Amino acid sequence: MAADKKAQAKTEQAKGKAKKVAGGAVGNESLKAKGQAQESKGDLRAAKEKTKDAIKPKSK
């Protein structure tokens, strides 16, 4: 499950970056802002998963 969430975070980051770059290229500030927001959402999701991994007890 955690791998699925990590993949989802990476996908969200990539989509956001693409929107941000596309918005900047065509001068569409709204698209650029939406891309930045989506990229940030992916960053937060990735940070959450890393924190969960760090807290999770190691199995022996």
N, C-alpha and C. Protein backbone atom coordinates (compact mmCIF):
# COMPACT_ATOMS: atom_id res chain seq x y z
N MET A 1 0.83 -1.20 0.00
CA MET A 1 0.00 0.00 0.00
C MET A 1 0.86 1.25 0.00
N ALA A 2 1.93 1.24 0.77
CA ALA A 2 2.77 2.43 0.85
C ALA A 2 3.43 2.71 -0.50
N ALA A 3 3.80 1.66 -1.22
CA ALA A 3 4.41 1.86 -2.53
C ALA A 3 3.41 2.51 -3.48
N ASP A 4 2.15 2.12 -3.36
CA ASP A 4 1.10 2.70 -4.19
C ASP A 4 0.95 4.20 -3.89
N LYS A 5 0.98 4.55 -2.61
CA LYS A 5 0.85 5.96 -2.21
C LYS A 5 2.06 6.77 -2.67
N LYS A 6 3.24 6.15 -2.59
CA LYS A 6 4.46 6.84 -3.04
C LYS A 6 4.40 7.09 -4.54
N ALA A 7 3.92 6.10 -5.28
CA ALA A 7 3.78 6.26 -6.73
C ALA A 7 2.76 7.35 -7.06
N GLN A 8 1.70 7.39 -6.28
CA GLN A 8 0.68 8.42 -6.48
C GLN A 8 1.27 9.80 -6.23
N ALA A 9 2.12 9.92 -5.23
CA ALA A 9 2.76 11.20 -4.93
C ALA A 9 3.67 11.63 -6.08
N LYS A 10 4.45 10.69 -6.60
CA LYS A 10 5.35 11.00 -7.72
C LYS A 10 4.57 11.41 -8.96
N THR A 11 3.46 10.73 -9.20
CA THR A 11 2.61 11.07 -10.35
C THR A 11 2.05 12.48 -10.20
N GLU A 12 1.61 12.78 -9.00
CA GLU A 12 1.04 14.10 -8.73
C GLU A 12 2.10 15.19 -8.91
N GLN A 13 3.31 14.92 -8.45
CA GLN A 13 4.41 15.87 -8.60
C GLN A 13 4.71 16.10 -10.08
N ALA A 14 4.76 15.02 -10.85
CA ALA A 14 5.07 15.13 -12.28
C ALA A 14 3.98 15.88 -13.04
N LYS A 15 2.72 15.58 -12.74
CA LYS A 15 1.61 16.29 -13.41
C LYS A 15 1.65 17.77 -13.06
N GLY A 16 1.91 18.07 -11.80
CA GLY A 16 1.96 19.46 -11.37
C GLY A 16 3.09 20.22 -12.05
N LYS A 17 4.24 19.58 -12.14
CA LYS A 17 5.39 20.22 -12.78
C LYS A 17 5.09 20.48 -14.26
N ALA A 18 4.45 19.50 -14.93
CA ALA A 18 4.11 19.67 -16.34
C ALA A 18 3.15 20.85 -16.53
N LYS A 19 2.14 20.94 -15.66
CA LYS A 19 1.18 22.05 -15.75
C LYS A 19 1.88 23.38 -15.51
N LYS A 20 2.77 23.40 -14.52
CA LYS A 20 3.47 24.64 -14.17
C LYS A 20 4.33 25.11 -15.34
N VAL A 21 5.05 24.18 -15.95
CA VAL A 21 5.92 24.52 -17.08
C VAL A 21 5.08 24.96 -18.28
N ALA A 22 4.00 24.23 -18.55
CA ALA A 22 3.14 24.58 -19.68
C ALA A 22 2.51 25.95 -19.47
N GLY A 23 2.06 26.22 -18.26
CA GLY A 23 1.47 27.52 -17.96
C GLY A 23 2.47 28.65 -18.12
N GLY A 24 3.71 28.41 -17.70
CA GLY A 24 4.75 29.42 -17.86
C GLY A 24 5.11 29.65 -19.32
N ALA A 25 5.09 28.57 -20.10
CA ALA A 25 5.47 28.67 -21.51
C ALA A 25 4.46 29.47 -22.32
N VAL A 26 3.19 29.32 -22.01
CA VAL A 26 2.15 30.02 -22.78
C VAL A 26 1.68 31.30 -22.09
N GLY A 27 2.22 31.58 -20.91
CA GLY A 27 1.84 32.80 -20.21
C GLY A 27 0.51 32.70 -19.49
N ASN A 28 0.07 31.49 -19.18
CA ASN A 28 -1.20 31.29 -18.49
C ASN A 28 -0.91 31.17 -16.99
N GLU A 29 -1.10 32.25 -16.26
CA GLU A 29 -0.80 32.27 -14.83
C GLU A 29 -1.69 31.34 -14.03
N SER A 30 -2.94 31.17 -14.45
CA SER A 30 -3.85 30.29 -13.75
C SER A 30 -3.37 28.83 -13.82
N LEU A 31 -2.98 28.39 -15.01
CA LEU A 31 -2.47 27.04 -15.19
C LEU A 31 -1.17 26.84 -14.42
N LYS A 32 -0.34 27.85 -14.44
CA LYS A 32 0.93 27.80 -13.72
C LYS A 32 0.68 27.64 -12.21
N ALA A 33 -0.27 28.39 -11.68
CA ALA A 33 -0.62 28.32 -10.25
C ALA A 33 -1.22 26.97 -9.89
N LYS A 34 -2.09 26.45 -10.76
CA LYS A 34 -2.68 25.13 -10.51
C LYS A 34 -1.60 24.05 -10.51
N GLY A 35 -0.64 24.18 -11.41
CA GLY A 35 0.46 23.22 -11.47
C GLY A 35 1.30 23.28 -10.22
N GLN A 36 1.59 24.49 -9.74
CA GLN A 36 2.37 24.65 -8.51
C GLN A 36 1.64 24.03 -7.33
N ALA A 37 0.33 24.25 -7.26
CA ALA A 37 -0.46 23.68 -6.17
C ALA A 37 -0.46 22.16 -6.22
N GLN A 38 -0.60 21.59 -7.41
CA GLN A 38 -0.62 20.14 -7.54
C GLN A 38 0.74 19.55 -7.21
N GLU A 39 1.80 20.22 -7.63
CA GLU A 39 3.15 19.76 -7.32
C GLU A 39 3.39 19.78 -5.81
N SER A 40 2.94 20.84 -5.16
CA SER A 40 3.07 20.95 -3.70
C SER A 40 2.28 19.85 -3.00
N LYS A 41 1.11 19.55 -3.50
CA LYS A 41 0.29 18.48 -2.94
C LYS A 41 1.04 17.14 -3.02
N GLY A 42 1.69 16.91 -4.16
CA GLY A 42 2.48 15.70 -4.32
C GLY A 42 3.67 15.67 -3.37
N ASP A 43 4.31 16.83 -3.18
CA ASP A 43 5.43 16.93 -2.24
C ASP A 43 4.99 16.60 -0.82
N LEU A 44 3.84 17.13 -0.43
CA LEU A 44 3.31 16.86 0.91
C LEU A 44 2.96 15.39 1.09
N ARG A 45 2.37 14.80 0.06
CA ARG A 45 2.01 13.39 0.12
C ARG A 45 3.28 12.53 0.27
N ALA A 46 4.33 12.88 -0.48
CA ALA A 46 5.59 12.13 -0.39
C ALA A 46 6.21 12.28 0.99
N ALA A 47 6.17 13.48 1.54
CA ALA A 47 6.73 13.71 2.88
C ALA A 47 5.96 12.90 3.93
N LYS A 48 4.65 12.82 3.77
CA LYS A 48 3.82 12.05 4.70
C LYS A 48 4.22 10.58 4.65
N GLU A 49 4.42 10.05 3.45
CA GLU A 49 4.79 8.64 3.32
C GLU A 49 6.18 8.37 3.90
N LYS A 50 7.11 9.29 3.71
CA LYS A 50 8.44 9.13 4.27
C LYS A 50 8.38 9.14 5.80
N THR A 51 7.55 10.00 6.35
CA THR A 51 7.39 10.08 7.80
C THR A 51 6.79 8.77 8.33
N LYS A 52 5.78 8.26 7.65
CA LYS A 52 5.17 7.00 8.07
C LYS A 52 6.20 5.87 8.03
N ASP A 53 7.06 5.85 7.01
CA ASP A 53 8.10 4.83 6.92
C ASP A 53 9.11 4.96 8.06
N ALA A 54 9.44 6.18 8.43
CA ALA A 54 10.41 6.40 9.49
C ALA A 54 9.86 5.99 10.85
N ILE A 55 8.57 6.18 11.06
CA ILE A 55 7.94 5.87 12.33
C ILE A 55 7.62 4.38 12.46
N LYS A 56 7.32 3.75 11.32
CA LYS A 56 6.91 2.35 11.32
C LYS A 56 8.01 1.48 11.93
N PRO A 57 7.65 0.61 12.87
CA PRO A 57 8.68 -0.26 13.49
C PRO A 57 9.23 -1.25 12.46
N LYS A 58 10.51 -1.50 12.53
CA LYS A 58 11.17 -2.44 11.63
C LYS A 58 10.83 -3.86 12.05
N SER A 59 10.48 -4.72 11.08
CA SER A 59 10.23 -6.12 11.41
C SER A 59 11.55 -6.89 11.42
N LYS A 60 11.61 -7.85 12.32
CA LYS A 60 12.84 -8.63 12.46
C LYS A 60 12.65 -10.03 11.96
